[in-house]
Every structure is written in structure tokens, then in C-alpha cells.
Amino acid sequence: MTIFWHIMSGMLAAECVTILLLCAPIRPIQTFCSKAISQVTSKLNMKPWMAVALVFIAIMMVDAYTTSKRLEEEAHGGQHEHHYQQSLSLRFRNQRNVYISFFCLFNLIVISRLVSIIAELEESKKKGSGSSAPSSKAEEMKMEADKLAKGKTAAEKKVD
């Protein structure tokens, strides 16, 4: 693998770890990762760098795809067994590179969406804590159940 594909593989591994941390059902980890990503992107002005990363990934993906198609066409020619095995090996590597670049591109989109969703949830949670009105059906049902439970305990105390 060339240095570019080592970089792509490292990016893919880092993106997968980031997605796992963002999707972890542990709320402090989610908020920490989301805030860390938001702070890093705002302080370093990451929008241009993200665009550069997207262009880099797209170029690598197109290159791997065209090379894979070229090798596939060359493999159909009458070759000796050794050359055929070598062309299959090269096709495998280029197909692997296509998948690596595709998943890197996909994961960048997923990470940006997860960060925005978590930020929206945190914002709605802050807005919801200031008002006394419930913000969802589940909270309404919970409040009604609490009122009923309090009413029953008060009625039981009166009977005693």
C-alpha cells in the first residue's frame, strides 16, 4: 500500500472509533465527544479542511475505481497463469481501496450528522429544563403516572 492508502486506512479506523463513541449509550461520552469535535472544528476553522479531505477521498476513490475497471478489462485477455494470478491480486487490492475510500467518505458524512443531532438534543434539553411544560408524550405520561401514584398514597394515608 502506498502512503496515501495508509492515510486512508488510518482515517477509516479513526472515523469508526469516533462513530462508536458517538453512538455509545453512555451520555457523558456522547456529550464529551460531540463538544470536543465542535470545539476543534470551530477553533481550527475545519470547514476548509473537511472540504480538502472530501476532495482527497473522492479523488482516491475515483482513481481506485478506474484502476480496478482497467485491470478487470486486462484480465480477460489470454494470459499465462502467473500473469492471471498477479492481475487478480492487483484487482483485489484496488477493489479493497475502493471500499476503503467509500467507507471513509460515508463515515465523514455520518460523523457530521451525528454531531449535529447530538448538538440539537443538548440544545433542546437545555430549553426543556427551563420550562415546566413536558416536551414529549413520554414525559406527559410519566407526569400523569406520578400524579396518580401521589394521589393513591395520599388516599391511603387518609384511610389509616
Protein backbone atom coordinates (compact mmCIF):
# COMPACT_ATOMS: atom_id res chain seq x y z
CA MET A 1 0.00 0.00 0.00
CA THR A 2 1.19 3.46 -0.77
CA ILE A 3 1.36 6.20 1.81
CA PHE A 4 -1.98 7.59 0.62
CA TRP A 5 -3.78 4.32 1.29
CA HIS A 6 -2.14 4.06 4.71
CA ILE A 7 -3.54 7.52 5.45
CA MET A 8 -6.96 6.42 4.19
CA SER A 9 -6.89 3.29 6.36
CA GLY A 10 -5.91 5.36 9.39
CA MET A 11 -8.72 7.81 8.67
CA LEU A 12 -11.18 4.94 8.39
CA ALA A 13 -10.09 3.47 11.72
CA ALA A 14 -10.30 6.88 13.45
CA GLU A 15 -13.73 7.52 11.95
CA CYS A 16 -15.01 4.13 13.11
CA VAL A 17 -13.81 4.75 16.68
CA THR A 18 -15.41 8.21 16.64
CA ILE A 19 -18.74 6.80 15.44
CA LEU A 20 -18.67 4.11 18.10
CA LEU A 21 -18.03 6.72 20.80
CA LEU A 22 -20.78 8.97 19.49
CA CYS A 23 -23.25 6.08 19.36
CA ALA A 24 -22.32 4.72 22.79
CA PRO A 25 -25.36 4.70 25.07
CA ILE A 26 -23.36 6.48 27.76
CA ARG A 27 -24.48 10.11 27.75
CA PRO A 28 -21.28 11.73 29.15
CA ILE A 29 -19.18 10.09 26.43
CA GLN A 30 -21.54 11.31 23.73
CA THR A 31 -21.59 14.87 25.00
CA PHE A 32 -17.83 14.94 25.54
CA CYS A 33 -17.11 13.67 22.01
CA SER A 34 -19.68 15.97 20.47
CA LYS A 35 -18.37 19.03 22.34
CA ALA A 36 -14.75 18.10 21.55
CA ILE A 37 -15.50 17.75 17.84
CA SER A 38 -17.49 21.00 17.84
CA GLN A 39 -14.73 22.92 19.65
CA VAL A 40 -11.98 21.56 17.42
CA THR A 41 -13.91 22.37 14.27
CA SER A 42 -14.78 25.89 15.45
CA LYS A 43 -11.29 26.81 16.74
CA LEU A 44 -9.36 25.43 13.79
CA ASN A 45 -11.88 26.51 11.16
CA MET A 46 -12.27 22.94 9.94
CA LYS A 47 -14.70 23.65 7.09
CA PRO A 48 -11.91 24.15 4.52
CA TRP A 49 -10.02 21.13 5.88
CA MET A 50 -13.13 18.97 5.67
CA ALA A 51 -13.59 20.07 2.06
CA VAL A 52 -9.97 19.15 1.33
CA ALA A 53 -10.46 15.75 3.00
CA LEU A 54 -13.63 15.13 0.98
CA VAL A 55 -11.89 16.04 -2.27
CA PHE A 56 -8.89 13.85 -1.35
CA ILE A 57 -11.15 10.89 -0.56
CA ALA A 58 -13.18 11.40 -3.73
CA ILE A 59 -10.03 11.55 -5.90
CA MET A 60 -8.66 8.40 -4.29
CA MET A 61 -11.99 6.64 -4.80
CA VAL A 62 -12.20 7.58 -8.47
CA ASP A 63 -8.57 6.54 -9.01
CA ALA A 64 -9.11 3.16 -7.35
CA TYR A 65 -12.32 2.58 -9.29
CA THR A 66 -10.81 3.40 -12.68
CA THR A 67 -7.74 1.29 -11.96
CA SER A 68 -9.97 -1.58 -10.87
CA LYS A 69 -12.00 -1.38 -14.09
CA ARG A 70 -8.84 -1.19 -16.21
CA LEU A 71 -7.38 -4.27 -14.50
CA GLU A 72 -10.67 -6.11 -14.93
CA GLU A 73 -10.60 -5.46 -18.68
CA GLU A 74 -6.95 -6.53 -18.92
CA ALA A 75 -7.68 -9.77 -17.03
CA HIS A 76 -9.96 -11.04 -19.78
CA GLY A 77 -7.10 -11.22 -22.27
CA GLY A 78 -5.32 -14.54 -22.85
CA GLN A 79 -2.53 -14.54 -20.26
CA HIS A 80 -0.36 -17.11 -18.62
CA GLU A 81 -1.30 -18.44 -15.20
CA HIS A 82 1.29 -16.31 -13.39
CA HIS A 83 0.12 -13.08 -15.01
CA TYR A 84 -3.50 -14.02 -14.35
CA GLN A 85 -2.81 -14.55 -10.63
CA GLN A 86 -0.93 -11.27 -10.49
CA SER A 87 -3.78 -9.39 -12.17
CA LEU A 88 -6.26 -10.95 -9.73
CA SER A 89 -4.11 -9.77 -6.84
CA LEU A 90 -3.97 -6.25 -8.24
CA ARG A 91 -7.74 -6.24 -8.82
CA PHE A 92 -8.32 -7.35 -5.23
CA ARG A 93 -6.15 -4.54 -3.88
CA ASN A 94 -7.88 -1.93 -6.00
CA GLN A 95 -11.33 -3.18 -5.03
CA ARG A 96 -10.24 -3.02 -1.38
CA ASN A 97 -9.09 0.56 -1.96
CA VAL A 98 -12.47 1.44 -3.48
CA TYR A 99 -14.25 0.10 -0.40
CA ILE A 100 -11.87 1.88 2.00
CA SER A 101 -12.38 5.22 0.27
CA PHE A 102 -16.16 4.74 0.05
CA PHE A 103 -16.47 3.95 3.76
CA CYS A 104 -14.23 6.92 4.64
CA LEU A 105 -16.49 9.21 2.65
CA PHE A 106 -19.63 7.68 4.16
CA ASN A 107 -18.26 7.88 7.71
CA LEU A 108 -17.38 11.57 7.32
CA ILE A 109 -20.98 12.27 6.42
CA VAL A 110 -22.27 10.12 9.31
CA ILE A 111 -19.98 11.82 11.85
CA SER A 112 -21.06 15.30 10.80
CA ARG A 113 -24.72 14.29 11.05
CA LEU A 114 -24.26 12.61 14.46
CA VAL A 115 -22.55 15.69 15.86
CA SER A 116 -25.37 17.92 14.65
CA ILE A 117 -28.03 15.57 16.08
CA ILE A 118 -26.32 15.42 19.48
CA ALA A 119 -25.95 19.22 19.50
CA GLU A 120 -29.67 19.61 18.72
CA LEU A 121 -30.55 17.18 21.51
CA GLU A 122 -28.39 19.06 24.00
CA GLU A 123 -29.94 22.36 22.93
CA SER A 124 -33.48 21.03 23.25
CA LYS A 125 -32.59 19.54 26.63
CA LYS A 126 -31.37 22.94 27.86
CA LYS A 127 -34.50 24.65 26.55
CA GLY A 128 -36.71 21.95 28.06
CA SER A 129 -35.16 22.23 31.52
CA GLY A 130 -36.06 25.93 31.73
CA SER A 131 -39.77 25.40 31.12
CA SER A 132 -42.08 23.36 33.29
CA ALA A 133 -44.13 22.03 30.37
CA PRO A 134 -43.29 18.50 29.20
CA SER A 135 -41.75 18.28 25.75
CA SER A 136 -42.83 14.79 24.75
CA LYS A 137 -45.63 12.27 25.16
CA ALA A 138 -43.43 10.03 27.28
CA GLU A 139 -42.78 12.85 29.75
CA GLU A 140 -46.50 13.67 29.88
CA MET A 141 -47.38 10.05 30.62
CA LYS A 142 -44.71 9.87 33.31
CA MET A 143 -46.02 13.01 34.98
CA GLU A 144 -49.60 11.63 34.95
CA ALA A 145 -48.40 8.35 36.45
CA ASP A 146 -46.56 10.25 39.18
CA LYS A 147 -49.69 12.28 39.97
CA LEU A 148 -51.78 9.11 40.20
CA ALA A 149 -49.22 7.46 42.46
CA LYS A 150 -49.16 10.52 44.74
CA GLY A 151 -52.95 10.58 44.80
CA LYS A 152 -53.11 6.93 45.83
CA THR A 153 -50.56 7.39 48.62
CA ALA A 154 -52.50 10.41 49.93
CA ALA A 155 -55.76 8.42 49.87
CA GLU A 156 -54.10 5.52 51.72
CA LYS A 157 -52.81 7.89 54.43
CA LYS A 158 -56.32 9.28 54.95
CA VAL A 159 -57.74 5.77 55.36
CA ASP A 160 -55.15 4.95 58.05
